PDB file of all heavy atoms in Angstrom:
ATOM      1  N   PRO A   1      77.536-143.344  61.121  1.00  0.00           N
ATOM      2  CA  PRO A   1      78.934-143.675  61.330  1.00  0.00           C
ATOM      3  C   PRO A   1      79.866-142.465  61.346  1.00  0.00           C
ATOM      4  O   PRO A   1      80.989-142.536  60.865  1.00  0.00           O
ATOM      5  CB  PRO A   1      79.225-144.555  60.132  1.00  0.00           C
ATOM      6  CG  PRO A   1      78.408-143.957  59.041  1.00  0.00           C
ATOM      7  CD  PRO A   1      77.163-143.443  59.720  1.00  0.00           C
ATOM      8  N   HIS A   2      79.424-141.367  61.874  1.00  0.00           N
ATOM      9  CA  HIS A   2      80.255-140.170  61.864  1.00  0.00           C
ATOM     10  C   HIS A   2      81.061-140.026  63.147  1.00  0.00           C
ATOM     11  O   HIS A   2      80.804-140.682  64.147  1.00  0.00           O
ATOM     12  CB  HIS A   2      79.373-138.936  61.624  1.00  0.00           C
ATOM     13  CG  HIS A   2      78.600-139.049  60.353  1.00  0.00           C
ATOM     14  ND1 HIS A   2      79.195-138.944  59.118  1.00  0.00           N
ATOM     15  CD2 HIS A   2      77.303-139.311  60.115  1.00  0.00           C
ATOM     16  CE1 HIS A   2      78.293-139.135  58.178  1.00  0.00           C
ATOM     17  NE2 HIS A   2      77.132-139.355  58.755  1.00  0.00           N
ATOM     18  N   ILE A   3      82.033-139.162  63.108  1.00  0.00           N
ATOM     19  CA  ILE A   3      82.937-138.942  64.234  1.00  0.00           C
ATOM     20  C   ILE A   3      82.169-138.404  65.428  1.00  0.00           C
ATOM     21  O   ILE A   3      81.353-137.506  65.242  1.00  0.00           O
ATOM     22  CB  ILE A   3      84.066-137.975  63.817  1.00  0.00           C
ATOM     23  CG1 ILE A   3      84.919-138.648  62.739  1.00  0.00           C
ATOM     24  CG2 ILE A   3      84.920-137.554  64.998  1.00  0.00           C
ATOM     25  CD1 ILE A   3      85.954-137.750  62.106  1.00  0.00           C
ATOM     26  N   PRO A   4      82.379-138.891  66.630  1.00  0.00           N
ATOM     27  CA  PRO A   4      83.309-139.968  66.990  1.00  0.00           C
ATOM     28  C   PRO A   4      82.726-141.331  66.632  1.00  0.00           C
ATOM     29  O   PRO A   4      81.529-141.539  66.728  1.00  0.00           O
ATOM     30  CB  PRO A   4      83.455-139.813  68.491  1.00  0.00           C
ATOM     31  CG  PRO A   4      82.172-139.239  68.952  1.00  0.00           C
ATOM     32  CD  PRO A   4      81.692-138.363  67.820  1.00  0.00           C
ATOM     33  N   MET A   5      83.597-142.237  66.235  1.00  0.00           N
ATOM     34  CA  MET A   5      83.162-143.554  65.778  1.00  0.00           C
ATOM     35  C   MET A   5      83.345-144.585  66.892  1.00  0.00           C
ATOM     36  O   MET A   5      84.367-145.248  66.980  1.00  0.00           O
ATOM     37  CB  MET A   5      83.933-143.948  64.524  1.00  0.00           C
ATOM     38  CG  MET A   5      83.590-143.071  63.338  1.00  0.00           C
ATOM     39  SD  MET A   5      84.472-143.485  61.832  1.00  0.00           S
ATOM     40  CE  MET A   5      85.996-142.585  62.073  1.00  0.00           C
ATOM     41  N   PHE A   6      82.347-144.676  67.746  1.00  0.00           N
ATOM     42  CA  PHE A   6      82.342-145.666  68.819  1.00  0.00           C
ATOM     43  C   PHE A   6      81.377-146.779  68.455  1.00  0.00           C
ATOM     44  O   PHE A   6      80.246-146.505  68.043  1.00  0.00           O
ATOM     45  CB  PHE A   6      81.892-145.038  70.145  1.00  0.00           C
ATOM     46  CG  PHE A   6      82.797-143.958  70.638  1.00  0.00           C
ATOM     47  CD1 PHE A   6      82.349-142.655  70.707  1.00  0.00           C
ATOM     48  CD2 PHE A   6      84.091-144.235  71.018  1.00  0.00           C
ATOM     49  CE1 PHE A   6      83.169-141.647  71.165  1.00  0.00           C
ATOM     50  CE2 PHE A   6      84.930-143.238  71.460  1.00  0.00           C
ATOM     51  CZ  PHE A   6      84.474-141.938  71.541  1.00  0.00           C
ATOM     52  N   SER A   7      81.817-148.014  68.612  1.00  0.00           N
ATOM     53  CA  SER A   7      80.970-149.175  68.347  1.00  0.00           C
ATOM     54  C   SER A   7      81.396-150.287  69.295  1.00  0.00           C
ATOM     55  O   SER A   7      82.571-150.373  69.664  1.00  0.00           O
ATOM     56  CB  SER A   7      81.146-149.668  66.911  1.00  0.00           C
ATOM     57  OG  SER A   7      80.847-148.647  65.997  1.00  0.00           O
ATOM     58  N   PRO A   8      80.463-151.167  69.636  1.00  0.00           N
ATOM     59  CA  PRO A   8      80.843-152.323  70.449  1.00  0.00           C
ATOM     60  C   PRO A   8      81.894-153.180  69.743  1.00  0.00           C
ATOM     61  O   PRO A   8      81.942-153.238  68.505  1.00  0.00           O
ATOM     62  CB  PRO A   8      79.527-153.085  70.612  1.00  0.00           C
ATOM     63  CG  PRO A   8      78.464-152.051  70.423  1.00  0.00           C
ATOM     64  CD  PRO A   8      79.024-151.100  69.402  1.00  0.00           C
ATOM     65  N   LYS A   9      82.705-153.857  70.521  1.00  0.00           N
ATOM     66  CA  LYS A   9      83.819-154.651  70.003  1.00  0.00           C
ATOM     67  C   LYS A   9      83.381-155.659  68.942  1.00  0.00           C
ATOM     68  O   LYS A   9      84.084-155.880  67.965  1.00  0.00           O
ATOM     69  CB  LYS A   9      84.528-155.369  71.149  1.00  0.00           C
ATOM     70  CG  LYS A   9      85.739-156.158  70.715  1.00  0.00           C
ATOM     71  CD  LYS A   9      86.379-156.877  71.886  1.00  0.00           C
ATOM     72  CE  LYS A   9      87.600-157.682  71.503  1.00  0.00           C
ATOM     73  NZ  LYS A   9      87.449-158.558  70.371  1.00  0.00           N
ATOM     74  N   ARG A  10      82.200-156.241  69.111  1.00  0.00           N
ATOM     75  CA  ARG A  10      81.763-157.266  68.158  1.00  0.00           C
ATOM     76  C   ARG A  10      81.650-156.715  66.738  1.00  0.00           C
ATOM     77  O   ARG A  10      81.824-157.448  65.763  1.00  0.00           O
ATOM     78  CB  ARG A  10      80.467-157.909  68.609  1.00  0.00           C
ATOM     79  CG  ARG A  10      79.275-156.993  68.607  1.00  0.00           C
ATOM     80  CD  ARG A  10      78.048-157.686  69.226  1.00  0.00           C
ATOM     81  NE  ARG A  10      77.007-156.722  69.465  1.00  0.00           N
ATOM     82  CZ  ARG A  10      75.815-156.760  68.889  1.00  0.00           C
ATOM     83  NH1 ARG A  10      75.529-157.736  68.052  1.00  0.00           N
ATOM     84  NH2 ARG A  10      74.919-155.842  69.153  1.00  0.00           N
ATOM     85  N   PHE A  11      81.401-155.417  66.595  1.00  0.00           N
ATOM     86  CA  PHE A  11      81.328-154.829  65.258  1.00  0.00           C
ATOM     87  C   PHE A  11      82.724-154.556  64.701  1.00  0.00           C
ATOM     88  O   PHE A  11      82.941-154.665  63.499  1.00  0.00           O
ATOM     89  CB  PHE A  11      80.466-153.569  65.273  1.00  0.00           C
ATOM     90  CG  PHE A  11      79.030-153.874  65.561  1.00  0.00           C
ATOM     91  CD1 PHE A  11      78.508-153.707  66.836  1.00  0.00           C
ATOM     92  CD2 PHE A  11      78.205-154.366  64.572  1.00  0.00           C
ATOM     93  CE1 PHE A  11      77.190-154.012  67.111  1.00  0.00           C
ATOM     94  CE2 PHE A  11      76.878-154.683  64.834  1.00  0.00           C
ATOM     95  CZ  PHE A  11      76.374-154.504  66.112  1.00  0.00           C
ATOM     96  N   TRP A  12      83.661-154.210  65.580  1.00  0.00           N
ATOM     97  CA  TRP A  12      85.055-154.056  65.146  1.00  0.00           C
ATOM     98  C   TRP A  12      85.602-155.405  64.673  1.00  0.00           C
ATOM     99  O   TRP A  12      86.342-155.471  63.704  1.00  0.00           O
ATOM    100  CB  TRP A  12      85.919-153.520  66.278  1.00  0.00           C
ATOM    101  CG  TRP A  12      85.724-152.077  66.583  1.00  0.00           C
ATOM    102  CD1 TRP A  12      84.641-151.498  67.162  1.00  0.00           C
ATOM    103  CD2 TRP A  12      86.640-151.029  66.317  1.00  0.00           C
ATOM    104  NE1 TRP A  12      84.832-150.150  67.285  1.00  0.00           N
ATOM    105  CE2 TRP A  12      86.054-149.835  66.783  1.00  0.00           C
ATOM    106  CE3 TRP A  12      87.909-150.983  65.746  1.00  0.00           C
ATOM    107  CZ2 TRP A  12      86.695-148.604  66.678  1.00  0.00           C
ATOM    108  CZ3 TRP A  12      88.550-149.756  65.647  1.00  0.00           C
ATOM    109  CH2 TRP A  12      87.935-148.586  66.107  1.00  0.00           C
ATOM    110  N   ASP A  13      85.203-156.455  65.381  1.00  0.00           N
ATOM    111  CA  ASP A  13      85.718-157.791  65.057  1.00  0.00           C
ATOM    112  C   ASP A  13      85.253-158.285  63.691  1.00  0.00           C
ATOM    113  O   ASP A  13      85.862-159.208  63.125  1.00  0.00           O
ATOM    114  CB  ASP A  13      85.301-158.793  66.133  1.00  0.00           C
ATOM    115  CG  ASP A  13      85.982-158.534  67.465  1.00  0.00           C
ATOM    116  OD1 ASP A  13      86.985-157.783  67.505  1.00  0.00           O
ATOM    117  OD2 ASP A  13      85.498-159.087  68.488  1.00  0.00           O
ATOM    118  N   LEU A  14      84.202-157.698  63.148  1.00  0.00           N
ATOM    119  CA  LEU A  14      83.740-158.074  61.809  1.00  0.00           C
ATOM    120  C   LEU A  14      84.745-157.675  60.730  1.00  0.00           C
ATOM    121  O   LEU A  14      84.705-158.204  59.616  1.00  0.00           O
ATOM    122  CB  LEU A  14      82.399-157.390  61.499  1.00  0.00           C
ATOM    123  CG  LEU A  14      81.199-157.802  62.341  1.00  0.00           C
ATOM    124  CD1 LEU A  14      80.004-156.898  62.027  1.00  0.00           C
ATOM    125  CD2 LEU A  14      80.850-159.262  62.097  1.00  0.00           C
ATOM    126  N   TYR A  15      85.615-156.727  61.061  1.00  0.00           N
ATOM    127  CA  TYR A  15      86.549-156.166  60.081  1.00  0.00           C
ATOM    128  C   TYR A  15      87.979-156.219  60.609  1.00  0.00           C
ATOM    129  O   TYR A  15      88.524-155.205  61.047  1.00  0.00           O
ATOM    130  CB  TYR A  15      86.155-154.719  59.755  1.00  0.00           C
ATOM    131  CG  TYR A  15      84.724-154.614  59.301  1.00  0.00           C
ATOM    132  CD1 TYR A  15      83.714-154.247  60.187  1.00  0.00           C
ATOM    133  CD2 TYR A  15      84.378-154.930  57.988  1.00  0.00           C
ATOM    134  CE1 TYR A  15      82.388-154.178  59.776  1.00  0.00           C
ATOM    135  CE2 TYR A  15      83.058-154.863  57.567  1.00  0.00           C
ATOM    136  CZ  TYR A  15      82.073-154.491  58.465  1.00  0.00           C
ATOM    137  OH  TYR A  15      80.763-154.431  58.059  1.00  0.00           O
ATOM    138  N   PRO A  16      88.623-157.409  60.569  1.00  0.00           N
ATOM    139  CA  PRO A  16      90.017-157.491  61.024  1.00  0.00           C
ATOM    140  C   PRO A  16      90.896-156.523  60.222  1.00  0.00           C
ATOM    141  O   PRO A  16      90.789-156.450  58.994  1.00  0.00           O
ATOM    142  CB  PRO A  16      90.409-158.939  60.750  1.00  0.00           C
ATOM    143  CG  PRO A  16      89.123-159.675  60.559  1.00  0.00           C
ATOM    144  CD  PRO A  16      88.126-158.666  60.070  1.00  0.00           C
ATOM    145  N   ARG A  17      91.712-155.777  60.925  1.00  0.00           N
ATOM    146  CA  ARG A  17      92.501-154.732  60.271  1.00  0.00           C
ATOM    147  C   ARG A  17      93.386-155.281  59.159  1.00  0.00           C
ATOM    148  O   ARG A  17      93.578-154.633  58.133  1.00  0.00           O
ATOM    149  CB  ARG A  17      93.336-153.992  61.312  1.00  0.00           C
ATOM    150  CG  ARG A  17      93.750-152.632  60.816  1.00  0.00           C
ATOM    151  CD  ARG A  17      94.305-151.733  61.878  1.00  0.00           C
ATOM    152  NE  ARG A  17      93.376-151.643  62.993  1.00  0.00           N
ATOM    153  CZ  ARG A  17      93.747-151.419  64.247  1.00  0.00           C
ATOM    154  NH1 ARG A  17      94.996-151.240  64.532  1.00  0.00           N
ATOM    155  NH2 ARG A  17      92.865-151.347  65.209  1.00  0.00           N
ATOM    156  N   GLU A  18      93.914-156.491  59.342  1.00  0.00           N
ATOM    157  CA  GLU A  18      94.813-157.043  58.327  1.00  0.00           C
ATOM    158  C   GLU A  18      94.088-157.412  57.034  1.00  0.00           C
ATOM    159  O   GLU A  18      94.720-157.621  56.007  1.00  0.00           O
ATOM    160  CB  GLU A  18      95.582-158.260  58.883  1.00  0.00           C
ATOM    161  CG  GLU A  18      94.726-159.438  59.267  1.00  0.00           C
ATOM    162  CD  GLU A  18      94.126-159.357  60.672  1.00  0.00           C
ATOM    163  OE1 GLU A  18      94.350-158.364  61.388  1.00  0.00           O
ATOM    164  OE2 GLU A  18      93.423-160.310  61.035  1.00  0.00           O
ATOM    165  N   LYS A  19      92.770-157.473  57.053  1.00  0.00           N
ATOM    166  CA  LYS A  19      92.000-157.801  55.848  1.00  0.00           C
ATOM    167  C   LYS A  19      91.367-156.568  55.192  1.00  0.00           C
ATOM    168  O   LYS A  19      90.745-156.679  54.139  1.00  0.00           O
ATOM    169  CB  LYS A  19      90.905-158.814  56.188  1.00  0.00           C
ATOM    170  CG  LYS A  19      91.464-160.170  56.553  1.00  0.00           C
ATOM    171  CD  LYS A  19      90.354-161.169  56.720  1.00  0.00           C
ATOM    172  CE  LYS A  19      90.964-162.533  57.019  1.00  0.00           C
ATOM    173  NZ  LYS A  19      89.939-163.567  57.081  1.00  0.00           N
ATOM    174  N   ILE A  20      91.532-155.413  55.803  1.00  0.00           N
ATOM    175  CA  ILE A  20      90.933-154.195  55.269  1.00  0.00           C
ATOM    176  C   ILE A  20      91.733-153.697  54.068  1.00  0.00           C
ATOM    177  O   ILE A  20      92.959-153.618  54.116  1.00  0.00           O
ATOM    178  CB  ILE A  20      90.867-153.102  56.355  1.00  0.00           C
ATOM    179  CG1 ILE A  20      89.861-153.502  57.418  1.00  0.00           C
ATOM    180  CG2 ILE A  20      90.515-151.738  55.750  1.00  0.00           C
ATOM    181  CD1 ILE A  20      89.814-152.562  58.594  1.00  0.00           C
ATOM    182  N   VAL A  21      91.031-153.391  52.994  1.00  0.00           N
ATOM    183  CA  VAL A  21      91.649-152.774  51.819  1.00  0.00           C
ATOM    184  C   VAL A  21      91.422-151.274  51.951  1.00  0.00           C
ATOM    185  O   VAL A  21      90.284-150.804  51.967  1.00  0.00           O
ATOM    186  CB  VAL A  21      91.027-153.307  50.515  1.00  0.00           C
ATOM    187  CG1 VAL A  21      91.632-152.605  49.312  1.00  0.00           C
ATOM    188  CG2 VAL A  21      91.206-154.817  50.424  1.00  0.00           C
ATOM    189  N   LEU A  22      92.494-150.532  52.078  1.00  0.00           N
ATOM    190  CA  LEU A  22      92.387-149.086  52.263  1.00  0.00           C
ATOM    191  C   LEU A  22      91.958-148.408  50.962  1.00  0.00           C
ATOM    192  O   LEU A  22      92.433-148.761  49.883  1.00  0.00           O
ATOM    193  CB  LEU A  22      93.720-148.508  52.735  1.00  0.00           C
ATOM    194  CG  LEU A  22      94.190-149.012  54.099  1.00  0.00           C
ATOM    195  CD1 LEU A  22      95.566-148.449  54.422  1.00  0.00           C
ATOM    196  CD2 LEU A  22      93.198-148.653  55.186  1.00  0.00           C
ATOM    197  N   PRO A  23      91.046-147.458  51.075  1.00  0.00           N
ATOM    198  CA  PRO A  23      90.610-146.751  49.869  1.00  0.00           C
ATOM    199  C   PRO A  23      91.714-145.866  49.310  1.00  0.00           C
ATOM    200  O   PRO A  23      92.554-145.356  50.054  1.00  0.00           O
ATOM    201  CB  PRO A  23      89.431-145.913  50.361  1.00  0.00           C
ATOM    202  CG  PRO A  23      89.615-145.789  51.833  1.00  0.00           C
ATOM    203  CD  PRO A  23      90.370-146.998  52.278  1.00  0.00           C
ATOM    204  N   ASN A  24      91.692-145.708  48.014  1.00  0.00           N
ATOM    205  CA  ASN A  24      92.632-144.815  47.352  1.00  0.00           C
ATOM    206  C   ASN A  24      92.047-143.404  47.402  1.00  0.00           C
ATOM    207  O   ASN A  24      90.985-143.155  46.851  1.00  0.00           O
ATOM    208  CB  ASN A  24      92.849-145.266  45.904  1.00  0.00           C
ATOM    209  CG  ASN A  24      93.819-144.377  45.164  1.00  0.00           C
ATOM    210  OD1 ASN A  24      94.568-143.617  45.769  1.00  0.00           O
ATOM    211  ND2 ASN A  24      93.804-144.458  43.860  1.00  0.00           N
ATOM    212  N   ALA A  25      92.718-142.505  48.076  1.00  0.00           N
ATOM    213  CA  ALA A  25      92.245-141.122  48.200  1.00  0.00           C
ATOM    214  C   ALA A  25      92.841-140.299  47.064  1.00  0.00           C
ATOM    215  O   ALA A  25      93.962-139.811  47.147  1.00  0.00           O
ATOM    216  CB  ALA A  25      92.636-140.561  49.563  1.00  0.00           C
ATOM    217  N   ASP A  26      92.089-140.170  45.994  1.00  0.00           N
ATOM    218  CA  ASP A  26      92.521-139.403  44.828  1.00  0.00           C
ATOM    219  C   ASP A  26      92.522-137.911  45.177  1.00  0.00           C
ATOM    220  O   ASP A  26      91.496-137.370  45.587  1.00  0.00           O
ATOM    221  CB  ASP A  26      91.572-139.659  43.668  1.00  0.00           C
ATOM    222  CG  ASP A  26      91.994-138.991  42.367  1.00  0.00           C
ATOM    223  OD1 ASP A  26      92.849-138.085  42.400  1.00  0.00           O
ATOM    224  OD2 ASP A  26      91.462-139.384  41.312  1.00  0.00           O
ATOM    225  N   PRO A  27      93.655-137.224  45.049  1.00  0.00           N
ATOM    226  CA  PRO A  27      93.714-135.809  45.406  1.00  0.00           C
ATOM    227  C   PRO A  27      92.787-134.930  44.564  1.00  0.00           C
ATOM    228  O   PRO A  27      92.431-133.827  44.957  1.00  0.00           O
ATOM    229  CB  PRO A  27      95.178-135.427  45.196  1.00  0.00           C
ATOM    230  CG  PRO A  27      95.783-136.509  44.391  1.00  0.00           C
ATOM    231  CD  PRO A  27      94.931-137.735  44.571  1.00  0.00           C
ATOM    232  N   ARG A  28      92.335-135.410  43.391  1.00  0.00           N
ATOM    233  CA  ARG A  28      91.439-134.641  42.532  1.00  0.00           C
ATOM    234  C   ARG A  28      89.966-134.982  42.767  1.00  0.00           C
ATOM    235  O   ARG A  28      89.091-134.492  42.059  1.00  0.00           O
ATOM    236  CB  ARG A  28      91.788-134.893  41.065  1.00  0.00           C
ATOM    237  CG  ARG A  28      93.198-134.441  40.705  1.00  0.00           C
ATOM    238  CD  ARG A  28      93.613-134.932  39.336  1.00  0.00           C
ATOM    239  NE  ARG A  28      93.597-136.395  39.350  1.00  0.00           N
ATOM    240  CZ  ARG A  28      93.177-137.163  38.344  1.00  0.00           C
ATOM    241  NH1 ARG A  28      92.771-136.637  37.228  1.00  0.00           N
ATOM    242  NH2 ARG A  28      93.180-138.477  38.436  1.00  0.00           N
ATOM    243  N   ASP A  29      89.691-135.793  43.765  1.00  0.00           N
ATOM    244  CA  ASP A  29      88.359-136.326  43.989  1.00  0.00           C
ATOM    245  C   ASP A  29      87.300-135.249  44.240  1.00  0.00           C
ATOM    246  O   ASP A  29      86.134-135.450  43.935  1.00  0.00           O
ATOM    247  CB  ASP A  29      88.386-137.303  45.166  1.00  0.00           C
ATOM    248  CG  ASP A  29      87.094-138.061  45.315  1.00  0.00           C
ATOM    249  OD1 ASP A  29      86.533-138.492  44.294  1.00  0.00           O
ATOM    250  OD2 ASP A  29      86.630-138.214  46.457  1.00  0.00           O
ATOM    251  N   LEU A  30      87.689-134.124  44.783  1.00  0.00           N
ATOM    252  CA  LEU A  30      86.720-133.096  45.160  1.00  0.00           C
ATOM    253  C   LEU A  30      86.491-132.043  44.082  1.00  0.00           C
ATOM    254  O   LEU A  30      85.657-131.153  44.260  1.00  0.00           O
ATOM    255  CB  LEU A  30      87.178-132.411  46.452  1.00  0.00           C
ATOM    256  CG  LEU A  30      87.429-133.331  47.644  1.00  0.00           C
ATOM    257  CD1 LEU A  30      87.972-132.539  48.815  1.00  0.00           C
ATOM    258  CD2 LEU A  30      86.171-134.077  48.021  1.00  0.00           C
ATOM    259  N   GLU A  31      87.198-132.135  42.978  1.00  0.00           N
ATOM    260  CA  GLU A  31      87.146-131.086  41.964  1.00  0.00           C
ATOM    261  C   GLU A  31      85.758-130.866  41.367  1.00  0.00           C
ATOM    262  O   GLU A  31      85.441-129.764  40.933  1.00  0.00           O
ATOM    263  CB  GLU A  31      88.150-131.386  40.846  1.00  0.00           C
ATOM    264  CG  GLU A  31      89.585-131.233  41.290  1.00  0.00           C
ATOM    265  CD  GLU A  31      90.581-131.602  40.199  1.00  0.00           C
ATOM    266  OE1 GLU A  31      90.157-132.018  39.095  1.00  0.00           O
ATOM    267  OE2 GLU A  31      91.791-131.490  40.462  1.00  0.00           O
ATOM    268  N   ASP A  32      84.921-131.895  41.327  1.00  0.00           N
ATOM    269  CA  ASP A  32      83.606-131.757  40.711  1.00  0.00           C
ATOM    270  C   ASP A  32      82.500-131.405  41.711  1.00  0.00           C
ATOM    271  O   ASP A  32      81.328-131.382  41.368  1.00  0.00           O
ATOM    272  CB  ASP A  32      83.232-133.033  39.945  1.00  0.00           C
ATOM    273  CG  ASP A  32      83.207-134.258  40.832  1.00  0.00           C
ATOM    274  OD1 ASP A  32      83.763-134.214  41.946  1.00  0.00           O
ATOM    275  OD2 ASP A  32      82.631-135.276  40.405  1.00  0.00           O
ATOM    276  N   LEU A  33      82.873-131.111  42.940  1.00  0.00           N
ATOM    277  CA  LEU A  33      81.900-130.735  43.962  1.00  0.00           C
ATOM    278  C   LEU A  33      81.670-129.228  43.981  1.00  0.00           C
ATOM    279  O   LEU A  33      82.551-128.459  43.597  1.00  0.00           O
ATOM    280  CB  LEU A  33      82.389-131.174  45.345  1.00  0.00           C
ATOM    281  CG  LEU A  33      82.509-132.674  45.582  1.00  0.00           C
ATOM    282  CD1 LEU A  33      83.047-132.930  46.977  1.00  0.00           C
ATOM    283  CD2 LEU A  33      81.189-133.372  45.367  1.00  0.00           C
ATOM    284  N   PRO A  34      80.508-128.803  44.471  1.00  0.00           N
ATOM    285  CA  PRO A  34      80.273-127.365  44.620  1.00  0.00           C
ATOM    286  C   PRO A  34      81.273-126.753  45.611  1.00  0.00           C
ATOM    287  O   PRO A  34      81.818-127.442  46.469  1.00  0.00           O
ATOM    288  CB  PRO A  34      78.856-127.278  45.179  1.00  0.00           C
ATOM    289  CG  PRO A  34      78.253-128.609  44.980  1.00  0.00           C
ATOM    290  CD  PRO A  34      79.365-129.598  44.863  1.00  0.00           C
ATOM    291  N   LYS A  35      81.485-125.461  45.509  1.00  0.00           N
ATOM    292  CA  LYS A  35      82.470-124.779  46.353  1.00  0.00           C
ATOM    293  C   LYS A  35      82.194-124.977  47.839  1.00  0.00           C
ATOM    294  O   LYS A  35      83.117-125.174  48.618  1.00  0.00           O
ATOM    295  CB  LYS A  35      82.520-123.289  46.023  1.00  0.00           C
ATOM    296  CG  LYS A  35      83.523-122.559  46.916  1.00  0.00           C
ATOM    297  CD  LYS A  35      83.952-121.269  46.348  1.00  0.00           C
ATOM    298  CE  LYS A  35      84.897-120.472  47.208  1.00  0.00           C
ATOM    299  NZ  LYS A  35      85.609-121.095  48.262  1.00  0.00           N
ATOM    300  N   VAL A  36      80.936-124.956  48.250  1.00  0.00           N
ATOM    301  CA  VAL A  36      80.622-125.119  49.672  1.00  0.00           C
ATOM    302  C   VAL A  36      81.097-126.490  50.164  1.00  0.00           C
ATOM    303  O   VAL A  36      81.610-126.609  51.279  1.00  0.00           O
ATOM    304  CB  VAL A  36      79.113-124.885  49.942  1.00  0.00           C
ATOM    305  CG1 VAL A  36      78.252-125.968  49.308  1.00  0.00           C
ATOM    306  CG2 VAL A  36      78.835-124.792  51.430  1.00  0.00           C
ATOM    307  N   ALA A  37      80.954-127.517  49.345  1.00  0.00           N
ATOM    308  CA  ALA A  37      81.420-128.854  49.723  1.00  0.00           C
ATOM    309  C   ALA A  37      82.942-128.901  49.754  1.00  0.00           C
ATOM    310  O   ALA A  37      83.538-129.527  50.639  1.00  0.00           O
ATOM    311  CB  ALA A  37      80.868-129.893  48.765  1.00  0.00           C
TER     312      ALA A  37
END
């Protein structure tokens, strides 16, 4: 599922945008990763 994200319409239809719960992007989320990451 990496960029570019192309999929047939039937897979998009499984996830109506109005029902999607957006993830919370914590600005500190990357602090515990190695420097290269």
